[in-house]
Amino acid sequence: MRQGRRDGFREFAAGRSGHLYRSACLLTSGDTYLAEDLVQETLGRMYLLWGRISRIDNPAAYAQTVLVRVFLTHQRRRSAGERPVGELPEPGVPAAAGADPALRLTLLEALGRLAPKDRAVLVLRYWEDRSVEETADAMNASSAAVRTRTTRALGRLREQLGGSLAEFAGL
């Protein structure tokens, strides 16, 4: 029985870890080390529940929900905002000045400037392609709160990107 449970979990983890990692990278604005930690924490929590997983309709969606909740919990910690850097920035030079002009990096940087819950709602709604109700369930919020947060987060993202998004997209 235990061996079958372990094999089932190994198969699940191998099949979902890549997707969880990509979502975690978006949530963490490209911090791959933190993304790996979040995925490990998520898989650890899933393993503890694996014996009762048959009661969960969609284990993959549940794992995504656990990932978002682990991310939000991490962001509530005081030290979550600290980021080590190799070089100190020059005074008066914005952090974006030395950024790679690729669209992906620009979007990751803009996502990184959003509040954690704003980032989570955008990742769930537009990267994970979840409905408002699914997003609300994952974030322990009402559907109205998710719609409001989505609208505001998209507005903040547009403010940050300004006209640069059209320039990167070749519009």
Protein backbone atom coordinates (compact mmCIF):
# COMPACT_ATOMS: atom_id res chain seq x y z
CA MET A 1 0.00 0.00 0.00
CA ARG A 2 2.71 2.48 0.98
CA GLN A 3 4.83 1.70 -2.07
CA GLY A 4 1.84 2.31 -4.36
CA ARG A 5 1.18 5.62 -2.60
CA ARG A 6 4.81 6.67 -3.02
CA ASP A 7 4.84 5.69 -6.68
CA GLY A 8 1.61 7.59 -7.28
CA PHE A 9 3.04 10.68 -5.65
CA ARG A 10 6.34 10.41 -7.54
CA GLU A 11 4.42 10.22 -10.81
CA PHE A 12 2.30 13.22 -9.84
CA ALA A 13 5.33 15.25 -8.72
CA ALA A 14 7.29 14.44 -11.87
CA GLY A 15 4.34 15.40 -14.06
CA ARG A 16 3.43 18.64 -12.27
CA SER A 17 6.72 20.04 -10.97
CA GLY A 18 7.62 21.79 -14.24
CA HIS A 19 4.27 23.54 -14.40
CA LEU A 20 4.44 24.46 -10.71
CA TYR A 21 7.95 25.82 -11.21
CA ARG A 22 6.91 28.04 -14.14
CA SER A 23 4.03 29.43 -12.13
CA ALA A 24 6.30 29.97 -9.13
CA CYS A 25 8.81 31.84 -11.32
CA LEU A 26 6.06 34.21 -12.39
CA LEU A 27 4.86 34.67 -8.84
CA THR A 28 8.38 35.45 -7.63
CA SER A 29 9.17 37.74 -10.59
CA GLY A 30 11.90 35.48 -11.89
CA ASP A 31 13.58 34.59 -8.57
CA THR A 32 14.37 31.00 -9.52
CA TYR A 33 15.79 30.07 -6.13
CA LEU A 34 12.67 31.18 -4.29
CA ALA A 35 10.54 29.50 -6.98
CA GLU A 36 12.33 26.20 -6.32
CA ASP A 37 11.75 26.61 -2.58
CA LEU A 38 8.05 27.29 -3.12
CA VAL A 39 7.67 24.23 -5.34
CA GLN A 40 9.44 22.05 -2.78
CA GLU A 41 7.19 23.37 -0.01
CA THR A 42 4.13 22.76 -2.18
CA LEU A 43 5.16 19.20 -3.03
CA GLY A 44 5.94 18.54 0.63
CA ARG A 45 2.47 19.64 1.65
CA MET A 46 0.92 17.61 -1.16
CA TYR A 47 2.81 14.50 -0.02
CA LEU A 48 1.38 14.85 3.48
CA LEU A 49 -2.11 14.90 1.99
CA TRP A 50 -1.48 12.27 -0.65
CA GLY A 51 -3.23 9.46 1.24
CA ARG A 52 -6.41 11.54 1.28
CA ILE A 53 -5.95 12.95 -2.23
CA SER A 54 -8.61 10.65 -3.66
CA ARG A 55 -11.18 12.98 -2.07
CA ILE A 56 -9.83 15.91 -4.09
CA ASP A 57 -11.41 16.21 -7.55
CA ASN A 58 -8.42 17.79 -9.29
CA PRO A 59 -5.04 17.26 -7.56
CA ALA A 60 -3.22 19.42 -10.13
CA ALA A 61 -5.47 22.42 -9.49
CA TYR A 62 -5.19 21.81 -5.76
CA ALA A 63 -1.39 21.85 -6.04
CA GLN A 64 -1.60 25.23 -7.82
CA THR A 65 -3.79 26.52 -4.99
CA VAL A 66 -1.28 25.28 -2.42
CA LEU A 67 1.53 26.98 -4.38
CA VAL A 68 -0.26 30.35 -4.35
CA ARG A 69 -1.01 30.07 -0.65
CA VAL A 70 2.60 29.13 0.13
CA PHE A 71 3.74 32.15 -1.91
CA LEU A 72 1.36 34.53 -0.13
CA THR A 73 2.44 33.18 3.26
CA HIS A 74 6.08 33.71 2.32
CA GLN A 75 5.35 37.30 1.25
CA ARG A 76 3.85 38.09 4.65
CA ARG A 77 7.17 37.42 6.36
CA ARG A 78 9.30 40.46 7.10
CA SER A 79 12.40 39.19 5.34
CA ALA A 80 10.49 38.37 2.13
CA GLY A 81 11.21 41.80 0.65
CA GLU A 82 14.96 41.55 0.99
CA ARG A 83 16.88 40.77 -2.19
CA PRO A 84 20.64 40.27 -2.37
CA VAL A 85 22.39 42.05 -5.23
CA GLY A 86 25.86 41.70 -6.66
CA GLU A 87 26.46 45.43 -7.03
CA LEU A 88 24.96 48.42 -5.33
CA PRO A 89 22.96 50.60 -7.74
CA GLU A 90 24.28 54.02 -8.57
CA PRO A 91 22.38 56.79 -6.80
CA GLY A 92 19.68 58.33 -8.96
CA VAL A 93 19.69 55.52 -11.55
CA PRO A 94 16.43 53.54 -11.70
CA ALA A 95 16.74 49.77 -11.41
CA ALA A 96 15.14 49.29 -14.83
CA ALA A 97 17.87 51.28 -16.61
CA GLY A 98 20.21 48.27 -16.88
CA ALA A 99 17.48 45.71 -17.57
CA ASP A 100 17.54 43.52 -20.64
CA PRO A 101 15.11 44.97 -23.20
CA ALA A 102 13.40 41.61 -23.84
CA LEU A 103 9.64 41.61 -23.31
CA ARG A 104 9.77 38.68 -20.92
CA LEU A 105 12.21 40.40 -18.58
CA THR A 106 10.26 43.64 -18.75
CA LEU A 107 7.05 41.87 -17.79
CA LEU A 108 8.75 39.96 -14.97
CA GLU A 109 10.18 43.19 -13.62
CA ALA A 110 6.81 44.91 -13.80
CA LEU A 111 5.15 41.94 -12.08
CA GLY A 112 7.80 42.14 -9.38
CA ARG A 113 6.78 45.70 -8.55
CA LEU A 114 3.19 44.66 -7.89
CA ALA A 115 1.94 43.68 -4.46
CA PRO A 116 2.05 39.91 -3.88
CA LYS A 117 -1.74 39.50 -4.01
CA ASP A 118 -1.93 41.55 -7.22
CA ARG A 119 0.79 39.38 -8.74
CA ALA A 120 -0.98 36.21 -7.60
CA VAL A 121 -4.33 37.25 -9.07
CA LEU A 122 -2.75 38.08 -12.45
CA VAL A 123 -0.80 34.82 -12.57
CA LEU A 124 -3.86 32.78 -11.66
CA ARG A 125 -6.23 34.57 -14.02
CA TYR A 126 -4.01 35.04 -17.06
CA TRP A 127 -1.14 32.55 -16.80
CA GLU A 128 -3.09 29.70 -15.23
CA ASP A 129 -6.24 30.72 -17.15
CA ARG A 130 -8.45 30.22 -14.10
CA SER A 131 -11.95 31.57 -13.75
CA VAL A 132 -12.79 34.30 -11.27
CA GLU A 133 -14.39 31.72 -8.98
CA GLU A 134 -11.39 29.38 -9.09
CA THR A 135 -9.06 32.29 -8.39
CA ALA A 136 -11.25 33.42 -5.50
CA ASP A 137 -11.14 29.93 -4.03
CA ALA A 138 -7.36 29.70 -4.38
CA MET A 139 -6.86 33.08 -2.71
CA ASN A 140 -9.52 32.68 -0.01
CA ALA A 141 -11.34 35.77 -1.30
CA SER A 142 -14.72 36.62 -2.76
CA SER A 143 -15.34 36.73 -6.51
CA ALA A 144 -16.00 40.47 -6.28
CA ALA A 145 -12.66 40.99 -4.52
CA VAL A 146 -10.87 39.03 -7.26
CA ARG A 147 -12.53 41.07 -10.03
CA THR A 148 -11.64 44.34 -8.27
CA ARG A 149 -8.07 43.25 -7.57
CA THR A 150 -7.65 42.06 -11.18
CA THR A 151 -8.82 45.39 -12.58
CA ARG A 152 -6.58 47.39 -10.25
CA ALA A 153 -3.56 45.11 -10.80
CA LEU A 154 -3.91 45.39 -14.59
CA GLY A 155 -4.15 49.17 -14.23
CA ARG A 156 -0.97 49.26 -12.14
CA LEU A 157 0.78 47.04 -14.66
CA ARG A 158 -0.26 49.34 -17.51
CA GLU A 159 0.98 52.38 -15.55
CA GLN A 160 4.36 50.74 -15.03
CA LEU A 161 4.75 49.65 -18.62
CA GLY A 162 3.32 52.82 -20.16
CA GLY A 163 4.04 52.92 -23.87
CA SER A 164 6.95 50.48 -23.58
CA LEU A 165 4.74 47.43 -24.00
CA ALA A 166 3.73 48.45 -27.53
CA GLU A 167 7.39 49.08 -28.34
CA PHE A 168 8.37 45.56 -27.22
CA ALA A 169 5.45 43.91 -28.93
CA GLY A 170 6.28 45.66 -32.19
CA LEU A 171 2.96 47.51 -32.32
